[in-house]
């Protein structure tokens, strides 16, 4: 069972910070790409950030410069540092793998959910204005 477990969500004011964690079995981190998605109430799920096995990263335009994805393989943990949070960041956040990662001229250009992805239960982030 490759079930990730997310934590670190909470309620913060606009401009605040949170750091999400995702703990999963070692097999979870053997996939080429892992990442974070989110789903706000009444909206479709969207990709937030992804990291590949070479350490390459990719972010949604809406979070670039504010969020940072990282992983600690020794701790089997994926992180998402979220700074300068905005009310529009309010959502349930999920870590998942594998994900589809796409490259243009060797640059990590985008990512999308994989049909065989393993999803956690999510962690809720609420940002108030």
Protein backbone atom coordinates (compact mmCIF):
# COMPACT_ATOMS: atom_id res chain seq x y z
CA UNK A 1 0.00 0.00 0.00
CA UNK A 2 1.48 3.30 -1.12
CA UNK A 3 -0.81 5.62 0.79
CA UNK A 4 0.55 9.08 1.55
CA UNK A 5 -0.49 10.97 4.68
CA UNK A 6 -0.62 14.76 4.56
CA UNK A 7 -0.39 17.13 7.52
CA UNK A 8 0.41 20.73 8.35
CA UNK A 9 -2.74 22.44 7.15
CA UNK A 10 -4.55 25.03 9.22
CA UNK A 11 -6.09 28.47 9.31
CA UNK A 12 -3.94 31.54 8.73
CA UNK A 13 -4.41 35.15 7.80
CA UNK A 14 -3.51 36.54 4.41
CA UNK A 15 0.24 36.93 4.15
CA UNK A 16 0.94 34.09 6.54
CA UNK A 17 2.87 30.88 6.00
CA UNK A 18 2.31 27.16 6.38
CA UNK A 19 4.47 24.13 5.70
CA UNK A 20 2.70 21.00 4.55
CA UNK A 21 4.21 17.55 4.97
CA UNK A 22 3.45 14.29 3.23
CA UNK A 23 4.77 11.05 4.69
CA UNK A 24 4.62 7.96 2.52
CA UNK A 25 6.25 4.55 2.15
CA UNK A 26 9.61 4.51 0.41
CA UNK A 27 8.02 3.12 -2.78
CA UNK A 28 6.09 6.37 -3.16
CA UNK A 29 9.34 8.23 -3.73
CA UNK A 30 10.59 5.78 -6.33
CA UNK A 31 8.30 7.33 -8.91
CA UNK A 32 9.93 9.79 -11.30
CA UNK A 33 7.55 12.58 -10.34
CA UNK A 34 5.66 13.37 -7.15
CA UNK A 35 3.72 16.47 -6.28
CA UNK A 36 0.96 18.48 -4.66
CA UNK A 37 -2.52 19.21 -5.95
CA UNK A 38 -5.33 21.17 -4.38
CA UNK A 39 -9.09 21.45 -4.67
CA UNK A 40 -11.07 24.44 -3.51
CA UNK A 41 -14.78 24.18 -2.71
CA UNK A 42 -16.80 24.12 -5.90
CA UNK A 43 -13.73 24.05 -8.11
CA UNK A 44 -11.82 21.43 -10.02
CA UNK A 45 -8.61 19.92 -8.70
CA UNK A 46 -5.51 21.77 -9.87
CA UNK A 47 -1.81 21.09 -9.78
CA UNK A 48 0.24 23.17 -7.37
CA UNK A 49 3.84 21.92 -7.52
CA UNK A 50 5.83 18.91 -8.63
CA UNK A 51 9.34 17.59 -8.22
CA UNK A 52 11.11 14.97 -10.28
CA UNK A 53 13.76 12.44 -9.33
CA UNK A 54 16.51 14.78 -10.60
CA UNK A 55 15.34 17.54 -8.29
CA UNK A 56 13.68 19.51 -11.05
CA UNK A 57 10.60 21.46 -9.95
CA UNK A 58 7.56 22.98 -11.59
CA UNK A 59 4.89 25.26 -10.16
CA UNK A 60 1.49 26.53 -11.09
CA UNK A 61 1.71 30.16 -12.18
CA UNK A 62 -0.53 31.17 -9.29
CA UNK A 63 2.00 30.00 -6.68
CA UNK A 64 5.34 30.73 -8.34
CA UNK A 65 7.63 32.70 -6.07
CA UNK A 66 5.50 31.92 -3.01
CA UNK A 67 5.52 28.12 -2.68
CA UNK A 68 8.48 25.76 -2.58
CA UNK A 69 8.33 21.99 -2.99
CA UNK A 70 11.05 19.78 -1.54
CA UNK A 71 11.56 16.24 -0.36
CA UNK A 72 13.66 14.43 2.20
CA UNK A 73 14.18 10.88 0.99
CA UNK A 74 15.79 9.85 4.29
CA UNK A 75 12.53 10.75 6.04
CA UNK A 76 10.23 9.60 3.20
CA UNK A 77 8.63 13.02 3.33
CA UNK A 78 7.48 15.52 0.73
CA UNK A 79 7.07 19.16 1.76
CA UNK A 80 5.30 22.24 0.48
CA UNK A 81 6.43 25.52 2.04
CA UNK A 82 3.73 28.11 1.43
CA UNK A 83 4.52 31.78 2.02
CA UNK A 84 2.57 34.97 1.36
CA UNK A 85 -0.66 33.02 1.47
CA UNK A 86 -3.75 34.50 -0.15
CA UNK A 87 -7.45 33.76 0.38
CA UNK A 88 -7.51 32.12 -3.05
CA UNK A 89 -5.06 29.51 -1.73
CA UNK A 90 -7.84 28.14 0.47
CA UNK A 91 -8.32 24.49 -0.49
CA UNK A 92 -7.77 20.88 0.45
CA UNK A 93 -4.18 19.98 -0.42
CA UNK A 94 -3.16 16.49 -1.54
CA UNK A 95 0.19 14.91 -2.25
CA UNK A 96 0.28 12.26 -4.92
CA UNK A 97 2.43 9.98 -7.04
CA UNK A 98 3.03 9.01 -9.68
CA UNK A 99 2.21 12.10 -11.70
CA UNK A 100 2.81 12.85 -15.36
CA UNK A 101 5.69 15.26 -15.84
CA UNK A 102 6.30 16.95 -19.17
CA UNK A 103 9.47 18.47 -20.56
CA UNK A 104 10.28 20.92 -23.33
CA UNK A 105 13.88 21.05 -24.42
CA UNK A 106 14.91 19.33 -21.20
CA UNK A 107 13.04 21.87 -19.09
CA UNK A 108 10.36 20.68 -16.70
CA UNK A 109 7.40 22.49 -18.22
CA UNK A 110 4.19 21.09 -16.72
CA UNK A 111 2.56 18.18 -14.90
CA UNK A 112 -0.79 16.45 -14.57
CA UNK A 113 -2.43 13.71 -12.49
CA UNK A 114 -1.62 10.11 -13.39
CA UNK A 115 -4.50 7.65 -13.76
CA UNK A 116 -2.80 5.24 -11.34
CA UNK A 117 -1.93 7.89 -8.78
CA UNK A 118 -1.99 7.24 -5.04
CA UNK A 119 -3.86 9.95 -3.14
CA UNK A 120 -3.91 10.81 0.53
CA UNK A 121 -6.84 12.13 2.55
CA UNK A 122 -5.59 15.69 2.19
CA UNK A 123 -4.95 18.52 4.60
CA UNK A 124 -7.12 21.63 4.70
CA UNK A 125 -5.70 25.11 4.29
CA UNK A 126 -7.85 28.13 5.04
CA UNK A 127 -6.59 31.66 4.43
CA UNK A 128 -8.64 34.56 5.71
CA UNK A 129 -8.40 38.14 4.47
